[in-house]
PDB file of N, CA and C in Angstrom:
ATOM      1  N   MET A   1      -5.853   7.613  -9.392  1.00  0.00           N
ATOM      2  CA  MET A   1      -5.181   7.381  -8.139  1.00  0.00           C
ATOM      3  C   MET A   1      -3.680   7.426  -8.408  1.00  0.00           C
ATOM      4  N   LEU A   2      -2.959   8.106  -7.556  1.00  0.00           N
ATOM      5  CA  LEU A   2      -1.517   8.199  -7.652  1.00  0.00           C
ATOM      6  C   LEU A   2      -0.909   7.622  -6.390  1.00  0.00           C
ATOM      7  N   ILE A   3       0.000   6.693  -6.570  1.00  0.00           N
ATOM      8  CA  ILE A   3       0.655   6.061  -5.426  1.00  0.00           C
ATOM      9  C   ILE A   3       2.129   6.436  -5.480  1.00  0.00           C
ATOM     10  N   LYS A   4       2.631   6.960  -4.385  1.00  0.00           N
ATOM     11  CA  LYS A   4       4.036   7.366  -4.324  1.00  0.00           C
ATOM     12  C   LYS A   4       4.763   6.550  -3.271  1.00  0.00           C
ATOM     13  N   LYS A   5       5.972   6.143  -3.618  1.00  0.00           N
ATOM     14  CA  LYS A   5       6.840   5.454  -2.663  1.00  0.00           C
ATOM     15  C   LYS A   5       7.632   6.521  -1.920  1.00  0.00           C
ATOM     16  N   ILE A   6       7.645   6.416  -0.616  1.00  0.00           N
ATOM     17  CA  ILE A   6       8.377   7.362   0.217  1.00  0.00           C
ATOM     18  C   ILE A   6       9.342   6.567   1.090  1.00  0.00           C
ATOM     19  N   GLU A   7      10.620   6.907   1.036  1.00  0.00           N
ATOM     20  CA  GLU A   7      11.617   6.266   1.884  1.00  0.00           C
ATOM     21  C   GLU A   7      12.049   7.264   2.947  1.00  0.00           C
ATOM     22  N   HIS A   8      12.017   6.820   4.195  1.00  0.00           N
ATOM     23  CA  HIS A   8      12.395   7.693   5.301  1.00  0.00           C
ATOM     24  C   HIS A   8      13.044   6.855   6.390  1.00  0.00           C
ATOM     25  N   SER A   9      14.243   7.230   6.759  1.00  0.00           N
ATOM     26  CA  SER A   9      14.975   6.542   7.829  1.00  0.00           C
ATOM     27  C   SER A   9      15.041   5.029   7.612  1.00  0.00           C
ATOM     28  N   GLY A  10      15.258   4.635   6.380  1.00  0.00           N
ATOM     29  CA  GLY A  10      15.387   3.213   6.085  1.00  0.00           C
ATOM     30  C   GLY A  10      14.075   2.467   5.945  1.00  0.00           C
ATOM     31  N   ASN A  11      12.956   3.138   6.146  1.00  0.00           N
ATOM     32  CA  ASN A  11      11.647   2.508   6.002  1.00  0.00           C
ATOM     33  C   ASN A  11      10.989   2.972   4.709  1.00  0.00           C
ATOM     34  N   ILE A  12      10.128   2.125   4.162  1.00  0.00           N
ATOM     35  CA  ILE A  12       9.414   2.454   2.938  1.00  0.00           C
ATOM     36  C   ILE A  12       7.940   2.615   3.260  1.00  0.00           C
ATOM     37  N   TYR A  13       7.372   3.708   2.785  1.00  0.00           N
ATOM     38  CA  TYR A  13       5.952   3.994   2.978  1.00  0.00           C
ATOM     39  C   TYR A  13       5.341   4.284   1.618  1.00  0.00           C
ATOM     40  N   TYR A  14       4.049   4.100   1.520  1.00  0.00           N
ATOM     41  CA  TYR A  14       3.343   4.417   0.291  1.00  0.00           C
ATOM     42  C   TYR A  14       2.272   5.450   0.602  1.00  0.00           C
ATOM     43  N   ASN A  15       2.206   6.470  -0.216  1.00  0.00           N
ATOM     44  CA  ASN A  15       1.237   7.532  -0.049  1.00  0.00           C
ATOM     45  C   ASN A  15       0.237   7.452  -1.192  1.00  0.00           C
ATOM     46  N   VAL A  16      -1.025   7.472  -0.882  1.00  0.00           N
ATOM     47  CA  VAL A  16      -2.073   7.393  -1.887  1.00  0.00           C
ATOM     48  C   VAL A  16      -2.728   8.759  -2.014  1.00  0.00           C
ATOM     49  N   ASP A  17      -2.624   9.336  -3.205  1.00  0.00           N
ATOM     50  CA  ASP A  17      -3.315  10.583  -3.510  1.00  0.00           C
ATOM     51  C   ASP A  17      -4.462  10.238  -4.444  1.00  0.00           C
ATOM     52  N   SER A  18      -5.659  10.556  -4.039  1.00  0.00           N
ATOM     53  CA  SER A  18      -6.810  10.188  -4.856  1.00  0.00           C
ATOM     54  C   SER A  18      -7.847  11.289  -4.810  1.00  0.00           C
ATOM     55  N   ASP A  19      -8.384  11.601  -5.983  1.00  0.00           N
ATOM     56  CA  ASP A  19      -9.498  12.549  -6.043  1.00  0.00           C
ATOM     57  C   ASP A  19     -10.781  11.850  -5.624  1.00  0.00           C
ATOM     58  N   ASN A  20     -10.776  10.540  -5.705  1.00  0.00           N
ATOM     59  CA  ASN A  20     -11.963   9.752  -5.401  1.00  0.00           C
ATOM     60  C   ASN A  20     -11.754   9.057  -4.053  1.00  0.00           C
ATOM     61  N   THR A  21     -12.277   9.624  -3.020  1.00  0.00           N
ATOM     62  CA  THR A  21     -12.087   9.053  -1.681  1.00  0.00           C
ATOM     63  C   THR A  21     -13.107   7.962  -1.367  1.00  0.00           C
ATOM     64  N   THR A  22     -13.950   7.642  -2.334  1.00  0.00           N
ATOM     65  CA  THR A  22     -14.964   6.622  -2.095  1.00  0.00           C
ATOM     66  C   THR A  22     -14.542   5.245  -2.622  1.00  0.00           C
ATOM     67  N   LEU A  23     -13.289   5.109  -2.958  1.00  0.00           N
ATOM     68  CA  LEU A  23     -12.816   3.810  -3.442  1.00  0.00           C
ATOM     69  C   LEU A  23     -12.890   2.783  -2.322  1.00  0.00           C
ATOM     70  N   PRO A  24     -13.298   1.579  -2.650  1.00  0.00           N
ATOM     71  CA  PRO A  24     -13.317   0.520  -1.641  1.00  0.00           C
ATOM     72  C   PRO A  24     -11.906   0.233  -1.138  1.00  0.00           C
ATOM     73  N   THR A  25     -11.816  -0.124   0.107  1.00  0.00           N
ATOM     74  CA  THR A  25     -10.517  -0.402   0.731  1.00  0.00           C
ATOM     75  C   THR A  25      -9.747  -1.453  -0.032  1.00  0.00           C
ATOM     76  N   GLU A  26     -10.417  -2.514  -0.483  1.00  0.00           N
ATOM     77  CA  GLU A  26      -9.719  -3.585  -1.190  1.00  0.00           C
ATOM     78  C   GLU A  26      -9.123  -3.107  -2.520  1.00  0.00           C
ATOM     79  N   VAL A  27      -9.750  -2.121  -3.146  1.00  0.00           N
ATOM     80  CA  VAL A  27      -9.208  -1.575  -4.395  1.00  0.00           C
ATOM     81  C   VAL A  27      -7.915  -0.819  -4.104  1.00  0.00           C
ATOM     82  N   VAL A  28      -7.930  -0.023  -3.063  1.00  0.00           N
ATOM     83  CA  VAL A  28      -6.738   0.735  -2.681  1.00  0.00           C
ATOM     84  C   VAL A  28      -5.628  -0.220  -2.248  1.00  0.00           C
ATOM     85  N   GLN A  29      -5.973  -1.239  -1.457  1.00  0.00           N
ATOM     86  CA  GLN A  29      -4.970  -2.203  -1.009  1.00  0.00           C
ATOM     87  C   GLN A  29      -4.343  -2.934  -2.191  1.00  0.00           C
ATOM     88  N   GLN A  30      -5.142  -3.342  -3.156  1.00  0.00           N
ATOM     89  CA  GLN A  30      -4.601  -4.038  -4.328  1.00  0.00           C
ATOM     90  C   GLN A  30      -3.718  -3.097  -5.144  1.00  0.00           C
ATOM     91  N   ALA A  31      -4.111  -1.847  -5.256  1.00  0.00           N
ATOM     92  CA  ALA A  31      -3.285  -0.875  -5.978  1.00  0.00           C
ATOM     93  C   ALA A  31      -1.929  -0.702  -5.290  1.00  0.00           C
ATOM     94  N   LEU A  32      -1.931  -0.685  -3.973  1.00  0.00           N
ATOM     95  CA  LEU A  32      -0.676  -0.570  -3.228  1.00  0.00           C
ATOM     96  C   LEU A  32       0.205  -1.800  -3.435  1.00  0.00           C
ATOM     97  N   ILE A  33      -0.395  -2.968  -3.416  1.00  0.00           N
ATOM     98  CA  ILE A  33       0.358  -4.209  -3.643  1.00  0.00           C
ATOM     99  C   ILE A  33       0.924  -4.227  -5.061  1.00  0.00           C
ATOM    100  N   ASP A  34       0.106  -3.846  -6.032  1.00  0.00           N
ATOM    101  CA  ASP A  34       0.567  -3.813  -7.424  1.00  0.00           C
ATOM    102  C   ASP A  34       1.737  -2.848  -7.587  1.00  0.00           C
ATOM    103  N   GLU A  35       1.653  -1.705  -6.951  1.00  0.00           N
ATOM    104  CA  GLU A  35       2.735  -0.721  -7.034  1.00  0.00           C
ATOM    105  C   GLU A  35       3.992  -1.246  -6.347  1.00  0.00           C
ATOM    106  N   ALA A  36       3.833  -1.903  -5.223  1.00  0.00           N
ATOM    107  CA  ALA A  36       4.988  -2.467  -4.527  1.00  0.00           C
ATOM    108  C   ALA A  36       5.676  -3.514  -5.402  1.00  0.00           C
ATOM    109  N   TRP A  37       4.891  -4.372  -6.067  1.00  0.00           N
ATOM    110  CA  TRP A  37       5.491  -5.361  -6.974  1.00  0.00           C
ATOM    111  C   TRP A  37       6.167  -4.678  -8.154  1.00  0.00           C
ATOM    112  N   ARG A  38       5.587  -3.607  -8.656  1.00  0.00           N
ATOM    113  CA  ARG A  38       6.210  -2.868  -9.758  1.00  0.00           C
ATOM    114  C   ARG A  38       7.584  -2.349  -9.323  1.00  0.00           C
ATOM    115  N   LEU A  39       7.663  -1.824  -8.115  1.00  0.00           N
ATOM    116  CA  LEU A  39       8.933  -1.304  -7.606  1.00  0.00           C
ATOM    117  C   LEU A  39       9.951  -2.427  -7.399  1.00  0.00           C
ATOM    118  N   VAL A  40       9.485  -3.585  -6.973  1.00  0.00           N
ATOM    119  CA  VAL A  40      10.384  -4.742  -6.843  1.00  0.00           C
ATOM    120  C   VAL A  40      10.952  -5.105  -8.209  1.00  0.00           C
ATOM    121  N   ARG A  41      10.094  -5.123  -9.222  1.00  0.00           N
ATOM    122  CA  ARG A  41      10.561  -5.477 -10.567  1.00  0.00           C
ATOM    123  C   ARG A  41      11.534  -4.440 -11.118  1.00  0.00           C
ATOM    124  N   VAL A  42      11.284  -3.167 -10.825  1.00  0.00           N
ATOM    125  CA  VAL A  42      12.204  -2.111 -11.259  1.00  0.00           C
ATOM    126  C   VAL A  42      13.581  -2.345 -10.649  1.00  0.00           C
ATOM    127  N   ARG A  43      13.626  -2.620  -9.355  1.00  0.00           N
ATOM    128  CA  ARG A  43      14.901  -2.871  -8.679  1.00  0.00           C
ATOM    129  C   ARG A  43      15.567  -4.131  -9.220  1.00  0.00           C
ATOM    130  N   ARG A  44      14.773  -5.180  -9.414  1.00  0.00           N
ATOM    131  CA  ARG A  44      15.293  -6.426  -9.967  1.00  0.00           C
ATOM    132  C   ARG A  44      15.913  -6.198 -11.345  1.00  0.00           C
ATOM    133  N   ASP A  45      15.219  -5.434 -12.182  1.00  0.00           N
ATOM    134  CA  ASP A  45      15.726  -5.152 -13.530  1.00  0.00           C
ATOM    135  C   ASP A  45      17.022  -4.347 -13.480  1.00  0.00           C
ATOM    136  N   GLU A  46      17.123  -3.422 -12.521  1.00  0.00           N
ATOM    137  CA  GLU A  46      18.364  -2.657 -12.354  1.00  0.00           C
ATOM    138  C   GLU A  46      19.519  -3.584 -11.987  1.00  0.00           C
ATOM    139  N   LEU A  47      19.269  -4.494 -11.048  1.00  0.00           N
ATOM    140  CA  LEU A  47      20.312  -5.424 -10.630  1.00  0.00           C
ATOM    141  C   LEU A  47      20.732  -6.345 -11.774  1.00  0.00           C
ATOM    142  N   LEU A  48      19.786  -6.770 -12.585  1.00  0.00           N
ATOM    143  CA  LEU A  48      20.129  -7.591 -13.747  1.00  0.00           C
ATOM    144  C   LEU A  48      20.969  -6.795 -14.745  1.00  0.00           C
ATOM    145  N   ARG A  49      20.558  -5.560 -15.030  1.00  0.00           N
ATOM    146  CA  ARG A  49      21.332  -4.719 -15.955  1.00  0.00           C
ATOM    147  C   ARG A  49      22.750  -4.488 -15.440  1.00  0.00           C
ATOM    148  N   ASP A  50      22.870  -4.328 -14.121  1.00  0.00           N
ATOM    149  CA  ASP A  50      24.183  -4.084 -13.517  1.00  0.00           C
ATOM    150  C   ASP A  50      25.125  -5.276 -13.662  1.00  0.00           C
ATOM    151  N   THR A  51      24.585  -6.437 -13.992  1.00  0.00           N
ATOM    152  CA  THR A  51      25.427  -7.636 -14.122  1.00  0.00           C
ATOM    153  C   THR A  51      25.485  -8.164 -15.553  1.00  0.00           C
ATOM    154  N   ASP A  52      24.893  -7.453 -16.489  1.00  0.00           N
ATOM    155  CA  ASP A  52      24.902  -7.911 -17.882  1.00  0.00           C
ATOM    156  C   ASP A  52      26.316  -8.140 -18.406  1.00  0.00           C
ATOM    157  N   TYR A  53      27.244  -7.269 -18.025  1.00  0.00           N
ATOM    158  CA  TYR A  53      28.619  -7.383 -18.516  1.00  0.00           C
ATOM    159  C   TYR A  53      29.243  -8.737 -18.153  1.00  0.00           C
ATOM    160  N   ALA A  54      28.844  -9.283 -17.012  1.00  0.00           N
ATOM    161  CA  ALA A  54      29.481 -10.500 -16.502  1.00  0.00           C
ATOM    162  C   ALA A  54      29.074 -11.758 -17.263  1.00  0.00           C
ATOM    163  N   ILE A  55      28.027 -11.671 -18.059  1.00  0.00           N
ATOM    164  CA  ILE A  55      27.615 -12.859 -18.812  1.00  0.00           C
ATOM    165  C   ILE A  55      28.107 -12.821 -20.261  1.00  0.00           C
ATOM    166  N   MET A  56      28.877 -11.798 -20.582  1.00  0.00           N
ATOM    167  CA  MET A  56      29.458 -11.737 -21.921  1.00  0.00           C
ATOM    168  C   MET A  56      30.504 -12.848 -22.044  1.00  0.00           C
ATOM    169  N   PRO A  57      30.573 -13.513 -23.184  1.00  0.00           N
ATOM    170  CA  PRO A  57      31.475 -14.659 -23.325  1.00  0.00           C
ATOM    171  C   PRO A  57      32.952 -14.325 -23.077  1.00  0.00           C
ATOM    172  N   ASP A  58      33.342 -13.078 -23.339  1.00  0.00           N
ATOM    173  CA  ASP A  58      34.752 -12.733 -23.178  1.00  0.00           C
ATOM    174  C   ASP A  58      35.075 -12.098 -21.824  1.00  0.00           C
ATOM    175  N   TYR A  59      34.088 -12.062 -20.914  1.00  0.00           N
ATOM    176  CA  TYR A  59      34.370 -11.499 -19.595  1.00  0.00           C
ATOM    177  C   TYR A  59      35.135 -12.533 -18.772  1.00  0.00           C
ATOM    178  N   PRO A  60      36.247 -12.113 -18.154  1.00  0.00           N
ATOM    179  CA  PRO A  60      37.130 -13.079 -17.481  1.00  0.00           C
ATOM    180  C   PRO A  60      36.601 -13.580 -16.135  1.00  0.00           C
ATOM    181  N   LEU A  61      35.862 -14.668 -16.179  1.00  0.00           N
ATOM    182  CA  LEU A  61      35.383 -15.335 -14.971  1.00  0.00           C
ATOM    183  C   LEU A  61      35.744 -16.811 -15.058  1.00  0.00           C
ATOM    184  N   THR A  62      36.000 -17.398 -13.924  1.00  0.00           N
ATOM    185  CA  THR A  62      36.211 -18.848 -13.899  1.00  0.00           C
ATOM    186  C   THR A  62      34.856 -19.529 -14.103  1.00  0.00           C
ATOM    187  N   ASP A  63      34.876 -20.815 -14.335  1.00  0.00           N
ATOM    188  CA  ASP A  63      33.624 -21.553 -14.502  1.00  0.00           C
ATOM    189  C   ASP A  63      32.773 -21.465 -13.229  1.00  0.00           C
ATOM    190  N   ALA A  64      33.413 -21.550 -12.074  1.00  0.00           N
ATOM    191  CA  ALA A  64      32.681 -21.455 -10.801  1.00  0.00           C
ATOM    192  C   ALA A  64      32.055 -20.072 -10.634  1.00  0.00           C
ATOM    193  N   GLU A  65      32.788 -19.036 -11.013  1.00  0.00           N
ATOM    194  CA  GLU A  65      32.248 -17.674 -10.912  1.00  0.00           C
ATOM    195  C   GLU A  65      31.082 -17.484 -11.881  1.00  0.00           C
ATOM    196  N   LYS A  66      31.203 -18.029 -13.080  1.00  0.00           N
ATOM    197  CA  LYS A  66      30.103 -17.948 -14.058  1.00  0.00           C
ATOM    198  C   LYS A  66      28.854 -18.645 -13.512  1.00  0.00           C
ATOM    199  N   THR A  67      29.066 -19.790 -12.859  1.00  0.00           N
ATOM    200  CA  THR A  67      27.944 -20.516 -12.257  1.00  0.00           C
ATOM    201  C   THR A  67      27.284 -19.671 -11.180  1.00  0.00           C
ATOM    202  N   ASP A  68      28.085 -19.019 -10.342  1.00  0.00           N
ATOM    203  CA  ASP A  68      27.544 -18.148  -9.284  1.00  0.00           C
ATOM    204  C   ASP A  68      26.764 -16.973  -9.868  1.00  0.00           C
ATOM    205  N   VAL A  69      27.318 -16.351 -10.904  1.00  0.00           N
ATOM    206  CA  VAL A  69      26.656 -15.204 -11.536  1.00  0.00           C
ATOM    207  C   VAL A  69      25.350 -15.647 -12.183  1.00  0.00           C
ATOM    208  N   THR A  70      25.376 -16.777 -12.859  1.00  0.00           N
ATOM    209  CA  THR A  70      24.162 -17.295 -13.501  1.00  0.00           C
ATOM    210  C   THR A  70      23.087 -17.600 -12.461  1.00  0.00           C
ATOM    211  N   ALA A  71      23.473 -18.209 -11.349  1.00  0.00           N
ATOM    212  CA  ALA A  71      22.514 -18.526 -10.278  1.00  0.00           C
ATOM    213  C   ALA A  71      21.953 -17.254  -9.656  1.00  0.00           C
ATOM    214  N   TYR A  72      22.791 -16.248  -9.466  1.00  0.00           N
ATOM    215  CA  TYR A  72      22.351 -14.959  -8.920  1.00  0.00           C
ATOM    216  C   TYR A  72      21.322 -14.311  -9.847  1.00  0.00           C
ATOM    217  N   ARG A  73      21.630 -14.281 -11.120  1.00  0.00           N
ATOM    218  CA  ARG A  73      20.714 -13.669 -12.080  1.00  0.00           C
ATOM    219  C   ARG A  73      19.395 -14.437 -12.157  1.00  0.00           C
ATOM    220  N   GLN A  74      19.460 -15.772 -12.076  1.00  0.00           N
ATOM    221  CA  GLN A  74      18.226 -16.566 -12.087  1.00  0.00           C
ATOM    222  C   GLN A  74      17.409 -16.297 -10.832  1.00  0.00           C
ATOM    223  N   ALA A  75      18.062 -16.183  -9.684  1.00  0.00           N
ATOM    224  CA  ALA A  75      17.353 -15.874  -8.437  1.00  0.00           C
ATOM    225  C   ALA A  75      16.661 -14.517  -8.535  1.00  0.00           C
ATOM    226  N   LEU A  76      17.299 -13.557  -9.177  1.00  0.00           N
ATOM    227  CA  LEU A  76      16.669 -12.251  -9.378  1.00  0.00           C
ATOM    228  C   LEU A  76      15.431 -12.380 -10.269  1.00  0.00           C
ATOM    229  N   ARG A  77      15.570 -13.130 -11.361  1.00  0.00           N
ATOM    230  CA  ARG A  77      14.428 -13.298 -12.281  1.00  0.00           C
ATOM    231  C   ARG A  77      13.269 -14.033 -11.613  1.00  0.00           C
ATOM    232  N   ASP A  78      13.579 -14.915 -10.669  1.00  0.00           N
ATOM    233  CA  ASP A  78      12.542 -15.718 -10.010  1.00  0.00           C
ATOM    234  C   ASP A  78      11.828 -14.999  -8.870  1.00  0.00           C
ATOM    235  N   ILE A  79      12.272 -13.830  -8.481  1.00  0.00           N
ATOM    236  CA  ILE A  79      11.704 -13.162  -7.311  1.00  0.00           C
ATOM    237  C   ILE A  79      10.180 -13.042  -7.355  1.00  0.00           C
ATOM    238  N   PRO A  80       9.576 -12.582  -8.442  1.00  0.00           N
ATOM    239  CA  PRO A  80       8.106 -12.456  -8.420  1.00  0.00           C
ATOM    240  C   PRO A  80       7.368 -13.770  -8.200  1.00  0.00           C
ATOM    241  N   GLU A  81       7.969 -14.889  -8.626  1.00  0.00           N
ATOM    242  CA  GLU A  81       7.320 -16.183  -8.445  1.00  0.00           C
ATOM    243  C   GLU A  81       7.693 -16.848  -7.116  1.00  0.00           C
ATOM    244  N   THR A  82       8.778 -16.394  -6.518  1.00  0.00           N
ATOM    245  CA  THR A  82       9.291 -17.025  -5.305  1.00  0.00           C
ATOM    246  C   THR A  82       8.617 -16.507  -4.040  1.00  0.00           C
ATOM    247  N   PHE A  83       8.271 -15.242  -4.032  1.00  0.00           N
ATOM    248  CA  PHE A  83       7.750 -14.616  -2.822  1.00  0.00           C
ATOM    249  C   PHE A  83       6.271 -14.289  -2.982  1.00  0.00           C
ATOM    250  N   ALA A  84       5.521 -14.512  -1.929  1.00  0.00           N
ATOM    251  CA  ALA A  84       4.072 -14.291  -1.957  1.00  0.00           C
ATOM    252  C   ALA A  84       3.718 -12.816  -1.824  1.00  0.00           C
ATOM    253  N   SER A  85       4.630 -12.043  -1.272  1.00  0.00           N
ATOM    254  CA  SER A  85       4.347 -10.633  -1.003  1.00  0.00           C
ATOM    255  C   SER A  85       5.584  -9.798  -1.315  1.00  0.00           C
ATOM    256  N   PRO A  86       5.406  -8.594  -1.825  1.00  0.00           N
ATOM    257  CA  PRO A  86       6.571  -7.745  -2.065  1.00  0.00           C
ATOM    258  C   PRO A  86       7.309  -7.401  -0.768  1.00  0.00           C
ATOM    259  N   ASP A  87       6.610  -7.417   0.343  1.00  0.00           N
ATOM    260  CA  ASP A  87       7.247  -7.140   1.632  1.00  0.00           C
ATOM    261  C   ASP A  87       8.132  -8.296   2.093  1.00  0.00           C
ATOM    262  N   ALA A  88       7.929  -9.473   1.542  1.00  0.00           N
ATOM    263  CA  ALA A  88       8.680 -10.659   1.955  1.00  0.00           C
ATOM    264  C   ALA A  88       9.930 -10.896   1.109  1.00  0.00           C
ATOM    265  N   VAL A  89      10.126 -10.085   0.083  1.00  0.00           N
ATOM    266  CA  VAL A  89      11.246 -10.293  -0.832  1.00  0.00           C
ATOM    267  C   VAL A  89      12.576 -10.207  -0.088  1.00  0.00           C
ATOM    268  N   GLU A  90      13.375 -11.231  -0.286  1.00  0.00           N
ATOM    269  CA  GLU A  90      14.747 -11.248   0.227  1.00  0.00           C
ATOM    270  C   GLU A  90      15.661 -11.277  -1.001  1.00  0.00           C
ATOM    271  N   TRP A  91      16.428 -10.219  -1.146  1.00  0.00           N
ATOM    272  CA  TRP A  91      17.286 -10.094  -2.314  1.00  0.00           C
ATOM    273  C   TRP A  91      18.474 -11.051  -2.187  1.00  0.00           C
ATOM    274  N   PRO A  92      18.803 -11.749  -3.276  1.00  0.00           N
ATOM    275  CA  PRO A  92      19.950 -12.661  -3.217  1.00  0.00           C
ATOM    276  C   PRO A  92      21.250 -11.871  -3.060  1.00  0.00           C
ATOM    277  N   ALA A  93      22.218 -12.509  -2.436  1.00  0.00           N
ATOM    278  CA  ALA A  93      23.528 -11.878  -2.243  1.00  0.00           C
ATOM    279  C   ALA A  93      24.265 -11.843  -3.577  1.00  0.00           C
ATOM    280  N   LYS A  94      24.888 -10.713  -3.842  1.00  0.00           N
ATOM    281  CA  LYS A  94      25.679 -10.556  -5.046  1.00  0.00           C
ATOM    282  C   LYS A  94      26.939 -11.423  -4.943  1.00  0.00           C
ATOM    283  N   PRO A  95      27.254 -12.191  -5.976  1.00  0.00           N
ATOM    284  CA  PRO A  95      28.446 -13.029  -5.917  1.00  0.00           C
ATOM    285  C   PRO A  95      29.721 -12.198  -5.759  1.00  0.00           C
ATOM    286  N   GLU A  96      30.697 -12.776  -5.103  1.00  0.00           N
ATOM    287  CA  GLU A  96      31.967 -12.078  -4.877  1.00  0.00           C
ATOM    288  C   GLU A  96      32.621 -11.638  -6.187  1.00  0.00           C
ATOM    289  N   ALA A  97      32.436 -12.400  -7.238  1.00  0.00           N
ATOM    290  CA  ALA A  97      33.043 -12.058  -8.532  1.00  0.00           C
ATOM    291  C   ALA A  97      32.525 -10.737  -9.072  1.00  0.00           C
ATOM    292  N   LEU A  98      31.364 -10.293  -8.595  1.00  0.00           N
ATOM    293  CA  LEU A  98      30.763  -9.045  -9.063  1.00  0.00           C
ATOM    294  C   LEU A  98      30.991  -7.890  -8.104  1.00  0.00           C
ATOM    295  N   ALA A  99      31.595  -8.159  -6.979  1.00  0.00           N
ATOM    296  CA  ALA A  99      31.771  -7.112  -5.972  1.00  0.00           C
ATOM    297  C   ALA A  99      32.868  -6.139  -6.333  1.00  0.00           C
TER     298      ALA A  99
END
């Protein structure tokens, strides 16, 4: 089974290509959910990588900015445990120090 993410006009759709059309609905639904969570983790990991520089000890941030960056990164890491569904994920706001 191949599941593809399709983005169109700001909406996200999933397309299932399968040689086996006799799969039970619950199997296909779980595969779609698993793929959606995988995509959430990919995005989360990208956002974490994009902020790695800010946690270096010599990066010029105030203590308050470091606290904000640390909280942002922790919120990103907690996403899979915080939300019951990949569709419910609300991405944390990027701190001003990183903008």
